[in-house]
Protein backbone atom coordinates (compact mmCIF):
# COMPACT_ATOMS: atom_id res chain seq x y z
CA UNK A 1 85.46 -33.18 41.41
CA UNK A 2 83.99 -35.38 38.66
CA UNK A 3 81.56 -37.97 40.03
CA UNK A 4 79.17 -40.57 38.63
CA UNK A 5 75.82 -39.97 40.30
CA UNK A 6 72.56 -41.90 40.01
CA UNK A 7 69.37 -39.95 40.61
CA UNK A 8 65.99 -38.70 39.48
CA UNK A 9 65.35 -35.33 37.83
CA UNK A 10 62.86 -33.51 40.03
CA UNK A 11 62.92 -30.05 38.43
CA UNK A 12 64.33 -28.14 35.46
CA UNK A 13 64.43 -24.49 34.49
CA UNK A 14 65.72 -22.69 31.43
CA UNK A 15 69.05 -20.92 31.72
CA UNK A 16 69.86 -18.64 28.85
CA UNK A 17 68.95 -19.59 25.31
CA UNK A 18 70.40 -23.10 25.22
CA UNK A 19 71.09 -24.31 28.76
CA UNK A 20 69.08 -25.80 31.63
CA UNK A 21 69.50 -25.84 35.37
CA UNK A 22 68.54 -29.34 36.49
CA UNK A 23 67.67 -30.32 40.07
CA UNK A 24 68.44 -33.96 40.80
CA UNK A 25 67.70 -36.01 43.90
CA UNK A 26 70.43 -38.61 44.27
CA UNK A 27 71.29 -41.38 46.70
CA UNK A 28 74.95 -40.34 46.85
CA UNK A 29 74.88 -36.62 47.63
CA UNK A 30 71.19 -35.86 48.08
CA UNK A 31 69.48 -33.04 46.21
CA UNK A 32 71.65 -30.80 44.08
CA UNK A 33 71.36 -28.35 41.19
CA UNK A 34 73.56 -28.52 38.09
CA UNK A 35 73.80 -26.75 34.77
CA UNK A 36 73.33 -28.86 31.65
CA UNK A 37 74.90 -26.88 28.85
CA UNK A 38 73.14 -27.06 25.49
CA UNK A 39 70.32 -29.19 26.93
CA UNK A 40 67.64 -27.02 25.29
CA UNK A 41 68.97 -27.77 21.83
CA UNK A 42 66.71 -30.40 20.16
CA UNK A 43 69.65 -32.45 18.89
CA UNK A 44 71.62 -32.28 22.13
CA UNK A 45 72.48 -35.60 23.77
CA UNK A 46 71.57 -33.93 27.07
CA UNK A 47 68.01 -33.04 26.00
CA UNK A 48 66.37 -36.39 26.77
CA UNK A 49 68.20 -37.23 29.99
CA UNK A 50 67.46 -33.85 31.61
CA UNK A 51 63.66 -34.07 31.44
CA UNK A 52 61.60 -34.21 34.66
CA UNK A 53 60.86 -37.76 35.94
CA UNK A 54 63.99 -39.19 34.28
CA UNK A 55 65.83 -41.70 36.45
CA UNK A 56 69.37 -41.73 35.17
CA UNK A 57 73.10 -41.88 35.76
CA UNK A 58 74.94 -38.58 35.45
CA UNK A 59 78.59 -37.62 35.17
CA UNK A 60 78.80 -34.44 37.22
CA UNK A 61 81.45 -31.91 38.19
CA UNK A 62 80.31 -31.37 41.78
CA UNK A 63 80.92 -27.90 43.22
CA UNK A 64 79.87 -26.21 46.44
CA UNK A 65 77.53 -24.03 44.38
CA UNK A 66 76.09 -24.89 40.99
CA UNK A 67 77.50 -28.15 39.62
CA UNK A 68 77.90 -29.07 35.94
CA UNK A 69 76.50 -32.15 34.17
CA UNK A 70 78.98 -33.46 31.62
CA UNK A 71 76.85 -36.31 30.33
CA UNK A 72 74.01 -38.58 31.33
CA UNK A 73 72.37 -41.89 30.54
CA UNK A 74 68.73 -42.85 31.06
CA UNK A 75 68.19 -45.82 33.37
CA UNK A 76 64.39 -45.63 33.32
CA UNK A 77 62.40 -42.93 31.57
CA UNK A 78 59.17 -43.65 33.50
CA UNK A 79 57.42 -43.37 30.16
CA UNK A 80 54.00 -44.58 31.42
CA UNK A 81 53.85 -41.49 33.62
CA UNK A 82 54.54 -39.14 30.72
CA UNK A 83 51.78 -40.71 28.64
CA UNK A 84 49.02 -40.27 31.23
CA UNK A 85 47.89 -36.88 32.54
CA UNK A 86 46.68 -38.29 35.88
CA UNK A 87 49.97 -40.11 36.51
CA UNK A 88 51.86 -36.98 35.47
CA UNK A 89 49.89 -34.88 37.97
CA UNK A 90 50.61 -37.25 40.88
CA UNK A 91 54.29 -37.59 39.96
CA UNK A 92 54.71 -33.83 39.59
CA UNK A 93 53.13 -33.34 43.01
CA UNK A 94 55.43 -35.70 44.92
CA UNK A 95 58.51 -34.37 43.13
CA UNK A 96 57.60 -30.76 43.95
CA UNK A 97 56.91 -31.73 47.56
CA UNK A 98 60.28 -33.49 47.68
CA UNK A 99 62.01 -30.42 46.31
CA UNK A 100 60.39 -28.20 48.96
CA UNK A 101 61.06 -30.44 51.98
CA UNK A 102 64.50 -31.93 51.23
CA UNK A 103 67.57 -29.81 52.00
CA UNK A 104 70.37 -29.35 49.48
CA UNK A 105 73.14 -31.96 49.57
CA UNK A 106 71.67 -33.82 52.51
CA UNK A 107 71.56 -37.47 51.39
CA UNK A 108 68.79 -39.69 52.75
CA UNK A 109 68.84 -43.20 51.35
CA UNK A 110 65.47 -44.15 52.82
CA UNK A 111 63.62 -41.16 51.33
CA UNK A 112 65.42 -41.69 48.03
CA UNK A 113 64.38 -45.35 47.88
CA UNK A 114 60.79 -44.50 48.85
CA UNK A 115 60.62 -41.86 46.11
CA UNK A 116 61.79 -44.30 43.45
CA UNK A 117 59.38 -46.98 44.67
CA UNK A 118 56.50 -44.50 44.63
CA UNK A 119 57.34 -43.24 41.14
CA UNK A 120 57.60 -46.82 39.89
CA UNK A 121 54.24 -47.65 41.51
CA UNK A 122 52.61 -44.68 39.79
CA UNK A 123 54.11 -45.77 36.46
CA UNK A 124 53.05 -49.40 36.69
CA UNK A 125 49.67 -49.35 38.48
CA UNK A 126 46.21 -47.87 38.00
CA UNK A 127 45.70 -46.84 41.64
CA UNK A 128 48.32 -44.83 43.54
CA UNK A 129 46.52 -42.74 46.18
CA UNK A 130 47.82 -44.95 49.00
CA UNK A 131 51.52 -45.02 47.96
CA UNK A 132 51.44 -41.24 47.49
CA UNK A 133 50.00 -40.71 50.98
CA UNK A 134 52.58 -43.09 52.44
CA UNK A 135 55.35 -41.09 50.80
CA UNK A 136 53.85 -37.81 52.03
CA UNK A 137 53.95 -39.08 55.62
CA UNK A 138 57.65 -39.93 55.24
CA UNK A 139 58.34 -36.43 53.87
CA UNK A 140 56.42 -34.84 56.76
CA UNK A 141 58.76 -36.72 59.10
CA UNK A 142 61.77 -35.51 57.13
CA UNK A 143 60.45 -31.97 57.26
CA UNK A 144 60.10 -32.17 61.04
CA UNK A 145 56.34 -31.66 61.27
CA UNK A 146 54.91 -35.19 61.11
CA UNK A 147 51.68 -35.83 63.05
CA UNK A 148 51.66 -38.10 66.10
CA UNK A 149 49.80 -41.20 64.92
CA UNK A 150 51.13 -43.90 67.26
CA UNK A 151 49.32 -42.70 70.39
CA UNK A 152 47.33 -39.77 71.78
CA UNK A 153 49.29 -36.59 71.24
CA UNK A 154 48.12 -35.20 74.59
CA UNK A 155 48.29 -38.05 77.12
CA UNK A 156 50.10 -40.83 75.25
CA UNK A 157 47.23 -43.31 75.49
CA UNK A 158 46.94 -46.02 72.85
CA UNK A 159 43.32 -46.75 73.76
CA UNK A 160 40.81 -46.43 70.93
CA UNK A 161 38.76 -44.73 69.58
CA UNK A 162 40.76 -41.78 68.28
CA UNK A 163 40.02 -38.56 66.48
CA UNK A 164 42.58 -36.67 64.40
CA UNK A 165 43.34 -33.10 65.41
CA UNK A 166 45.18 -30.81 63.00
CA UNK A 167 45.50 -28.13 65.67
CA UNK A 168 46.94 -30.53 68.28
CA UNK A 169 49.16 -32.30 65.73
CA UNK A 170 47.87 -35.85 65.68
CA UNK A 171 45.59 -38.39 67.32
CA UNK A 172 43.42 -37.59 70.32
CA UNK A 173 41.99 -40.37 72.48
CA UNK A 174 38.42 -40.33 73.77
CA UNK A 175 39.40 -38.62 77.04
CA UNK A 176 41.27 -35.84 75.19
CA UNK A 177 38.89 -35.19 72.28
CA UNK A 178 37.50 -32.16 74.11
CA UNK A 179 40.75 -30.31 73.30
CA UNK A 180 39.66 -29.85 69.68
CA UNK A 181 36.02 -29.60 68.75
CA UNK A 182 37.03 -29.43 65.08
CA UNK A 183 38.99 -32.70 65.11
CA UNK A 184 38.26 -35.23 62.38
CA UNK A 185 36.22 -38.22 63.49
CA UNK A 186 38.03 -41.33 62.25
CA UNK A 187 37.43 -45.07 62.46
CA UNK A 188 39.83 -47.50 64.13
CA UNK A 189 40.80 -48.64 60.61
CA UNK A 190 41.86 -45.14 59.56
CA UNK A 191 43.83 -44.68 62.77
CA UNK A 192 45.68 -47.93 62.04
CA UNK A 193 46.32 -46.87 58.46
CA UNK A 194 47.81 -43.53 59.54
CA UNK A 195 50.15 -45.47 61.82
CA UNK A 196 51.01 -47.84 58.96
CA UNK A 197 51.64 -45.04 56.48
CA UNK A 198 54.04 -43.33 58.87
CA UNK A 199 56.05 -46.38 59.91
CA UNK A 200 56.15 -48.84 56.99
CA UNK A 201 58.08 -48.55 53.73
CA UNK A 202 56.31 -49.12 50.42
CA UNK A 203 58.50 -52.16 49.74
CA UNK A 204 56.66 -53.99 52.55
CA UNK A 205 53.24 -53.36 51.03
CA UNK A 206 51.66 -55.89 48.72
CA UNK A 207 48.12 -54.87 47.90
CA UNK A 208 45.99 -52.50 49.94
CA UNK A 209 42.39 -51.95 48.98
CA UNK A 210 40.37 -49.17 50.55
CA UNK A 211 36.91 -47.80 50.06
CA UNK A 212 36.79 -44.55 48.13
CA UNK A 213 35.30 -42.72 51.11
CA UNK A 214 38.22 -43.80 53.33
CA UNK A 215 40.76 -42.65 50.76
CA UNK A 216 38.92 -39.33 50.49
CA UNK A 217 38.89 -38.92 54.30
CA UNK A 218 42.63 -39.59 54.62
CA UNK A 219 43.29 -37.24 51.71
CA UNK A 220 41.28 -34.53 53.45
CA UNK A 221 43.20 -35.04 56.70
CA UNK A 222 46.66 -34.94 55.10
CA UNK A 223 45.80 -31.90 53.00
CA UNK A 224 44.49 -30.00 56.03
CA UNK A 225 47.54 -31.02 58.04
CA UNK A 226 50.00 -29.89 55.38
CA UNK A 227 48.16 -26.61 54.87
CA UNK A 228 48.52 -25.93 58.60
CA UNK A 229 52.16 -26.97 59.09
CA UNK A 230 53.86 -27.37 55.71
CA UNK A 231 54.80 -23.78 55.07
CA UNK A 232 55.35 -24.10 51.30
CA UNK A 233 52.87 -23.50 48.52
CA UNK A 234 52.77 -26.54 46.22
CA UNK A 235 51.79 -25.34 42.76
CA UNK A 236 51.14 -28.82 41.34
CA UNK A 237 48.68 -29.60 44.15
CA UNK A 238 46.14 -27.17 42.71
CA UNK A 239 46.06 -29.03 39.39
CA UNK A 240 45.89 -32.39 41.17
CA UNK A 241 42.89 -31.21 43.20
CA UNK A 242 41.14 -30.13 40.01
CA UNK A 243 41.67 -33.57 38.51
CA UNK A 244 40.34 -35.22 41.66
CA UNK A 245 37.16 -33.17 41.39
CA UNK A 246 36.73 -34.31 37.79
CA UNK A 247 37.08 -37.93 38.90
């Protein structure tokens, strides 16, 4: 069936000498893979629209297996991301994470909207650690392994202070901290931010400023949590970590 589908290109791979297999995350049918014939040819009309990060509209023959892209039109190329290696690294990371944690042809309008908002934020701003972490928390929920950040994971208490336990899967109140001697010590502010990141969409955020040490602490927590529960190796994360060390 031929359908007009709006979406963002999250991955491409060569197929033969002249074709590409393009993975697109769409609002209409979710994530799907399609062959773009001749897309590797420099003069092909499909070459530009089938690049990673492209947000476009595609005319697709949708099949139960591999679909076929007939034509496409760029809606937004996200050019600022392509022109900056740091932006490219962050964008590549969230797209790879999306690819790993989103099932084929399982549409999710909320995740789709959050991905577009996050990509647009990366393109248009100079600081994007917070939007990326917010999006990660939404993907952890989608993947079924999100941490408990609304109350103590053991007793349900909302009384502060909290620590964050990777092993226990979320916040521990003062009475339950003994369950994990390796839990991260966190301030009340960081506990509130973890709650915010998990429950609020990026469209509701104006400007959030955080100290570098708080961003680094949250980054450490989310990385440790994903390494423990995520289950998928994220190739682009290694490069992103190297860039963070350079910064």
